[in-house]
Amino acid sequence: MEIRLKQVRESKGLSQYELAQNSGMSPQNIQKLEQGRAKGIQLDTLDALCDALGCEIQEILVRVLA
């Protein structure tokens, strides 16, 4: 799986800080997710990000075939 959070966030014209504020997350956690340094993502976190971005889960999580 690939997390395309940065691409979706930028397409909505939001900064990491704005997304953090809108989703209830810390800017540091947003940064970790965007840089691929997070070990995983909880479903409630993914839901909060989708709400804040006005998008669907499949826009953020993309299955990459090897």
PDB file of N, CA and C in Angstrom:
ATOM      1  N   MET A   1       0.842  -1.185   0.000  1.00  0.00           N
ATOM      2  CA  MET A   1       0.000   0.000   0.000  1.00  0.00           C
ATOM      3  C   MET A   1       0.881   1.240   0.000  1.00  0.00           C
ATOM      4  N   GLU A   2       0.363   2.259  -0.623  1.00  0.00           N
ATOM      5  CA  GLU A   2       1.056   3.540  -0.658  1.00  0.00           C
ATOM      6  C   GLU A   2       0.123   4.604  -0.088  1.00  0.00           C
ATOM      7  N   ILE A   3       0.669   5.447   0.771  1.00  0.00           N
ATOM      8  CA  ILE A   3      -0.108   6.546   1.345  1.00  0.00           C
ATOM      9  C   ILE A   3       0.167   7.798   0.516  1.00  0.00           C
ATOM     10  N   ARG A   4      -0.861   8.307  -0.134  1.00  0.00           N
ATOM     11  CA  ARG A   4      -0.719   9.485  -0.995  1.00  0.00           C
ATOM     12  C   ARG A   4      -1.305  10.727  -0.332  1.00  0.00           C
ATOM     13  N   LEU A   5      -1.052  10.842   0.946  1.00  0.00           N
ATOM     14  CA  LEU A   5      -1.607  11.954   1.720  1.00  0.00           C
ATOM     15  C   LEU A   5      -1.102  13.304   1.222  1.00  0.00           C
ATOM     16  N   LYS A   6       0.183  13.399   0.949  1.00  0.00           N
ATOM     17  CA  LYS A   6       0.744  14.684   0.516  1.00  0.00           C
ATOM     18  C   LYS A   6       0.097  15.162  -0.780  1.00  0.00           C
ATOM     19  N   GLN A   7      -0.065  14.257  -1.738  1.00  0.00           N
ATOM     20  CA  GLN A   7      -0.647  14.638  -3.016  1.00  0.00           C
ATOM     21  C   GLN A   7      -2.084  15.129  -2.839  1.00  0.00           C
ATOM     22  N   VAL A   8      -2.860  14.416  -2.023  1.00  0.00           N
ATOM     23  CA  VAL A   8      -4.254  14.811  -1.796  1.00  0.00           C
ATOM     24  C   VAL A   8      -4.307  16.138  -1.046  1.00  0.00           C
ATOM     25  N   ARG A   9      -3.481  16.275  -0.015  1.00  0.00           N
ATOM     26  CA  ARG A   9      -3.447  17.524   0.772  1.00  0.00           C
ATOM     27  C   ARG A   9      -3.109  18.709  -0.114  1.00  0.00           C
ATOM     28  N   GLU A  10      -2.070  18.556  -0.926  1.00  0.00           N
ATOM     29  CA  GLU A  10      -1.661  19.658  -1.802  1.00  0.00           C
ATOM     30  C   GLU A  10      -2.723  19.986  -2.846  1.00  0.00           C
ATOM     31  N   SER A  11      -3.424  18.971  -3.333  1.00  0.00           N
ATOM     32  CA  SER A  11      -4.480  19.223  -4.323  1.00  0.00           C
ATOM     33  C   SER A  11      -5.643  20.008  -3.719  1.00  0.00           C
ATOM     34  N   LYS A  12      -5.795  19.925  -2.397  1.00  0.00           N
ATOM     35  CA  LYS A  12      -6.847  20.671  -1.696  1.00  0.00           C
ATOM     36  C   LYS A  12      -6.360  22.034  -1.228  1.00  0.00           C
ATOM     37  N   GLY A  13      -5.065  22.323  -1.445  1.00  0.00           N
ATOM     38  CA  GLY A  13      -4.513  23.627  -1.088  1.00  0.00           C
ATOM     39  C   GLY A  13      -4.300  23.820   0.403  1.00  0.00           C
ATOM     40  N   LEU A  14      -4.069  22.731   1.131  1.00  0.00           N
ATOM     41  CA  LEU A  14      -3.866  22.820   2.579  1.00  0.00           C
ATOM     42  C   LEU A  14      -2.401  22.612   2.945  1.00  0.00           C
ATOM     43  N   SER A  15      -1.972  23.297   3.993  1.00  0.00           N
ATOM     44  CA  SER A  15      -0.643  23.052   4.551  1.00  0.00           C
ATOM     45  C   SER A  15      -0.729  21.869   5.513  1.00  0.00           C
ATOM     46  N   GLN A  16       0.421  21.352   5.908  1.00  0.00           N
ATOM     47  CA  GLN A  16       0.427  20.282   6.904  1.00  0.00           C
ATOM     48  C   GLN A  16      -0.219  20.770   8.201  1.00  0.00           C
ATOM     49  N   TYR A  17       0.076  22.007   8.570  1.00  0.00           N
ATOM     50  CA  TYR A  17      -0.482  22.565   9.800  1.00  0.00           C
ATOM     51  C   TYR A  17      -2.000  22.659   9.719  1.00  0.00           C
ATOM     52  N   GLU A  18      -2.526  23.135   8.604  1.00  0.00           N
ATOM     53  CA  GLU A  18      -3.979  23.255   8.444  1.00  0.00           C
ATOM     54  C   GLU A  18      -4.648  21.878   8.494  1.00  0.00           C
ATOM     55  N   LEU A  19      -4.047  20.891   7.840  1.00  0.00           N
ATOM     56  CA  LEU A  19      -4.603  19.546   7.869  1.00  0.00           C
ATOM     57  C   LEU A  19      -4.576  18.993   9.286  1.00  0.00           C
ATOM     58  N   ALA A  20      -3.495  19.247  10.002  1.00  0.00           N
ATOM     59  CA  ALA A  20      -3.396  18.788  11.386  1.00  0.00           C
ATOM     60  C   ALA A  20      -4.508  19.407  12.235  1.00  0.00           C
ATOM     61  N   GLN A  21      -4.724  20.689  12.088  1.00  0.00           N
ATOM     62  CA  GLN A  21      -5.775  21.376  12.841  1.00  0.00           C
ATOM     63  C   GLN A  21      -7.153  20.827  12.492  1.00  0.00           C
ATOM     64  N   ASN A  22      -7.406  20.616  11.215  1.00  0.00           N
ATOM     65  CA  ASN A  22      -8.719  20.148  10.757  1.00  0.00           C
ATOM     66  C   ASN A  22      -9.004  18.692  11.099  1.00  0.00           C
ATOM     67  N   SER A  23      -7.946  17.901  11.270  1.00  0.00           N
ATOM     68  CA  SER A  23      -8.125  16.472  11.528  1.00  0.00           C
ATOM     69  C   SER A  23      -7.924  16.090  12.995  1.00  0.00           C
ATOM     70  N   GLY A  24      -7.430  17.028  13.799  1.00  0.00           N
ATOM     71  CA  GLY A  24      -7.171  16.720  15.208  1.00  0.00           C
ATOM     72  C   GLY A  24      -5.867  15.969  15.430  1.00  0.00           C
ATOM     73  N   MET A  25      -5.001  15.976  14.436  1.00  0.00           N
ATOM     74  CA  MET A  25      -3.707  15.309  14.549  1.00  0.00           C
ATOM     75  C   MET A  25      -2.618  16.351  14.770  1.00  0.00           C
ATOM     76  N   SER A  26      -1.436  15.891  15.119  1.00  0.00           N
ATOM     77  CA  SER A  26      -0.310  16.808  15.256  1.00  0.00           C
ATOM     78  C   SER A  26       0.361  16.979  13.888  1.00  0.00           C
ATOM     79  N   PRO A  27       0.967  18.137  13.657  1.00  0.00           N
ATOM     80  CA  PRO A  27       1.704  18.326  12.401  1.00  0.00           C
ATOM     81  C   PRO A  27       2.819  17.292  12.233  1.00  0.00           C
ATOM     82  N   GLN A  28       3.405  16.863  13.336  1.00  0.00           N
ATOM     83  CA  GLN A  28       4.470  15.864  13.277  1.00  0.00           C
ATOM     84  C   GLN A  28       3.946  14.533  12.734  1.00  0.00           C
ATOM     85  N   ASN A  29       2.737  14.144  13.139  1.00  0.00           N
ATOM     86  CA  ASN A  29       2.162  12.897  12.637  1.00  0.00           C
ATOM     87  C   ASN A  29       1.799  12.993  11.161  1.00  0.00           C
ATOM     88  N   ILE A  30       1.317  14.154  10.746  1.00  0.00           N
ATOM     89  CA  ILE A  30       1.035  14.373   9.324  1.00  0.00           C
ATOM     90  C   ILE A  30       2.335  14.216   8.538  1.00  0.00           C
ATOM     91  N   GLN A  31       3.392  14.825   9.040  1.00  0.00           N
ATOM     92  CA  GLN A  31       4.691  14.764   8.376  1.00  0.00           C
ATOM     93  C   GLN A  31       5.203  13.323   8.281  1.00  0.00           C
ATOM     94  N   LYS A  32       5.070  12.559   9.358  1.00  0.00           N
ATOM     95  CA  LYS A  32       5.500  11.154   9.351  1.00  0.00           C
ATOM     96  C   LYS A  32       4.741  10.348   8.301  1.00  0.00           C
ATOM     97  N   LEU A  33       3.434  10.552   8.232  1.00  0.00           N
ATOM     98  CA  LEU A  33       2.626   9.841   7.244  1.00  0.00           C
ATOM     99  C   LEU A  33       3.053  10.205   5.825  1.00  0.00           C
ATOM    100  N   GLU A  34       3.271  11.490   5.587  1.00  0.00           N
ATOM    101  CA  GLU A  34       3.635  11.936   4.248  1.00  0.00           C
ATOM    102  C   GLU A  34       5.023  11.457   3.835  1.00  0.00           C
ATOM    103  N   GLN A  35       5.907  11.318   4.791  1.00  0.00           N
ATOM    104  CA  GLN A  35       7.282  10.896   4.490  1.00  0.00           C
ATOM    105  C   GLN A  35       7.453   9.378   4.517  1.00  0.00           C
ATOM    106  N   GLY A  36       6.384   8.661   4.814  1.00  0.00           N
ATOM    107  CA  GLY A  36       6.458   7.208   4.842  1.00  0.00           C
ATOM    108  C   GLY A  36       7.171   6.650   6.057  1.00  0.00           C
ATOM    109  N   ARG A  37       7.264   7.454   7.113  1.00  0.00           N
ATOM    110  CA  ARG A  37       7.947   7.013   8.331  1.00  0.00           C
ATOM    111  C   ARG A  37       7.009   6.413   9.358  1.00  0.00           C
ATOM    112  N   ALA A  38       5.705   6.434   9.083  1.00  0.00           N
ATOM    113  CA  ALA A  38       4.729   5.846  10.010  1.00  0.00           C
ATOM    114  C   ALA A  38       4.693   4.340   9.788  1.00  0.00           C
ATOM    115  N   LYS A  39       4.598   3.594  10.852  1.00  0.00           N
ATOM    116  CA  LYS A  39       4.566   2.131  10.755  1.00  0.00           C
ATOM    117  C   LYS A  39       3.201   1.635  10.289  1.00  0.00           C
ATOM    118  N   GLY A  40       2.174   2.448  10.461  1.00  0.00           N
ATOM    119  CA  GLY A  40       0.819   2.087  10.068  1.00  0.00           C
ATOM    120  C   GLY A  40      -0.105   3.270  10.289  1.00  0.00           C
ATOM    121  N   ILE A  41      -1.358   3.058   9.954  1.00  0.00           N
ATOM    122  CA  ILE A  41      -2.355   4.113  10.149  1.00  0.00           C
ATOM    123  C   ILE A  41      -3.639   3.469  10.652  1.00  0.00           C
ATOM    124  N   GLN A  42      -4.182   4.015  11.721  1.00  0.00           N
ATOM    125  CA  GLN A  42      -5.416   3.475  12.286  1.00  0.00           C
ATOM    126  C   GLN A  42      -6.610   3.941  11.458  1.00  0.00           C
ATOM    127  N   LEU A  43      -7.649   3.126  11.463  1.00  0.00           N
ATOM    128  CA  LEU A  43      -8.833   3.456  10.666  1.00  0.00           C
ATOM    129  C   LEU A  43      -9.487   4.759  11.109  1.00  0.00           C
ATOM    130  N   ASP A  44      -9.521   5.030  12.410  1.00  0.00           N
ATOM    131  CA  ASP A  44     -10.137   6.283  12.854  1.00  0.00           C
ATOM    132  C   ASP A  44      -9.297   7.494  12.427  1.00  0.00           C
ATOM    133  N   THR A  45      -7.993   7.326  12.355  1.00  0.00           N
ATOM    134  CA  THR A  45      -7.117   8.389  11.862  1.00  0.00           C
ATOM    135  C   THR A  45      -7.360   8.617  10.376  1.00  0.00           C
ATOM    136  N   LEU A  46      -7.464   7.550   9.631  1.00  0.00           N
ATOM    137  CA  LEU A  46      -7.740   7.639   8.202  1.00  0.00           C
ATOM    138  C   LEU A  46      -9.086   8.310   7.951  1.00  0.00           C
ATOM    139  N   ASP A  47     -10.058   7.977   8.757  1.00  0.00           N
ATOM    140  CA  ASP A  47     -11.389   8.580   8.644  1.00  0.00           C
ATOM    141  C   ASP A  47     -11.332  10.083   8.923  1.00  0.00           C
ATOM    142  N   ALA A  48     -10.587  10.478   9.961  1.00  0.00           N
ATOM    143  CA  ALA A  48     -10.451  11.903  10.297  1.00  0.00           C
ATOM    144  C   ALA A  48      -9.751  12.663   9.170  1.00  0.00           C
ATOM    145  N   LEU A  49      -8.741  12.050   8.570  1.00  0.00           N
ATOM    146  CA  LEU A  49      -8.052  12.689   7.448  1.00  0.00           C
ATOM    147  C   LEU A  49      -8.986  12.855   6.257  1.00  0.00           C
ATOM    148  N   CYS A  50      -9.766  11.833   5.961  1.00  0.00           N
ATOM    149  CA  CYS A  50     -10.721  11.915   4.850  1.00  0.00           C
ATOM    150  C   CYS A  50     -11.766  12.998   5.097  1.00  0.00           C
ATOM    151  N   ASP A  51     -12.254  13.099   6.325  1.00  0.00           N
ATOM    152  CA  ASP A  51     -13.214  14.155   6.661  1.00  0.00           C
ATOM    153  C   ASP A  51     -12.593  15.528   6.457  1.00  0.00           C
ATOM    154  N   ALA A  52     -11.358  15.698   6.938  1.00  0.00           N
ATOM    155  CA  ALA A  52     -10.684  16.993   6.848  1.00  0.00           C
ATOM    156  C   ALA A  52     -10.366  17.367   5.399  1.00  0.00           C
ATOM    157  N   LEU A  53     -10.102  16.365   4.574  1.00  0.00           N
ATOM    158  CA  LEU A  53      -9.737  16.616   3.182  1.00  0.00           C
ATOM    159  C   LEU A  53     -10.922  16.559   2.220  1.00  0.00           C
ATOM    160  N   GLY A  54     -12.060  16.068   2.703  1.00  0.00           N
ATOM    161  CA  GLY A  54     -13.217  15.932   1.832  1.00  0.00           C
ATOM    162  C   GLY A  54     -12.954  14.933   0.718  1.00  0.00           C
ATOM    163  N   CYS A  55     -12.347  13.812   1.089  1.00  0.00           N
ATOM    164  CA  CYS A  55     -12.013  12.810   0.080  1.00  0.00           C
ATOM    165  C   CYS A  55     -12.420  11.419   0.554  1.00  0.00           C
ATOM    166  N   GLU A  56     -12.198  10.442  -0.297  1.00  0.00           N
ATOM    167  CA  GLU A  56     -12.479   9.049   0.029  1.00  0.00           C
ATOM    168  C   GLU A  56     -11.182   8.334   0.372  1.00  0.00           C
ATOM    169  N   ILE A  57     -11.297   7.246   1.110  1.00  0.00           N
ATOM    170  CA  ILE A  57     -10.129   6.493   1.561  1.00  0.00           C
ATOM    171  C   ILE A  57      -9.243   6.081   0.388  1.00  0.00           C
ATOM    172  N   GLN A  58      -9.836   5.647  -0.710  1.00  0.00           N
ATOM    173  CA  GLN A  58      -9.047   5.162  -1.833  1.00  0.00           C
ATOM    174  C   GLN A  58      -8.229   6.261  -2.514  1.00  0.00           C
ATOM    175  N   GLU A  59      -8.502   7.516  -2.192  1.00  0.00           N
ATOM    176  CA  GLU A  59      -7.670   8.597  -2.705  1.00  0.00           C
ATOM    177  C   GLU A  59      -6.370   8.718  -1.905  1.00  0.00           C
ATOM    178  N   ILE A  60      -6.410   8.304  -0.650  1.00  0.00           N
ATOM    179  CA  ILE A  60      -5.232   8.380   0.215  1.00  0.00           C
ATOM    180  C   ILE A  60      -4.443   7.080   0.199  1.00  0.00           C
ATOM    181  N   LEU A  61      -5.140   5.961   0.326  1.00  0.00           N
ATOM    182  CA  LEU A  61      -4.476   4.655   0.310  1.00  0.00           C
ATOM    183  C   LEU A  61      -4.635   4.029  -1.062  1.00  0.00           C
ATOM    184  N   VAL A  62      -3.519   3.709  -1.668  1.00  0.00           N
ATOM    185  CA  VAL A  62      -3.527   3.141  -3.008  1.00  0.00           C
ATOM    186  C   VAL A  62      -2.762   1.824  -2.969  1.00  0.00           C
ATOM    187  N   ARG A  63      -3.380   0.801  -3.496  1.00  0.00           N
ATOM    188  CA  ARG A  63      -2.727  -0.503  -3.549  1.00  0.00           C
ATOM    189  C   ARG A  63      -1.733  -0.513  -4.715  1.00  0.00           C
ATOM    190  N   VAL A  64      -0.500  -0.834  -4.407  1.00  0.00           N
ATOM    191  CA  VAL A  64       0.545  -0.879  -5.417  1.00  0.00           C
ATOM    192  C   VAL A  64       0.900  -2.336  -5.670  1.00  0.00           C
ATOM    193  N   LEU A  65       0.734  -2.747  -6.907  1.00  0.00           N
ATOM    194  CA  LEU A  65       1.058  -4.126  -7.264  1.00  0.00           C
ATOM    195  C   LEU A  65       2.532  -4.249  -7.571  1.00  0.00           C
ATOM    196  N   ALA A  66       3.133  -5.303  -7.050  1.00  0.00           N
ATOM    197  CA  ALA A  66       4.572  -5.504  -7.259  1.00  0.00           C
ATOM    198  C   ALA A  66       4.872  -6.087  -8.605  1.00  0.00           C
TER     199      ALA A  66
END
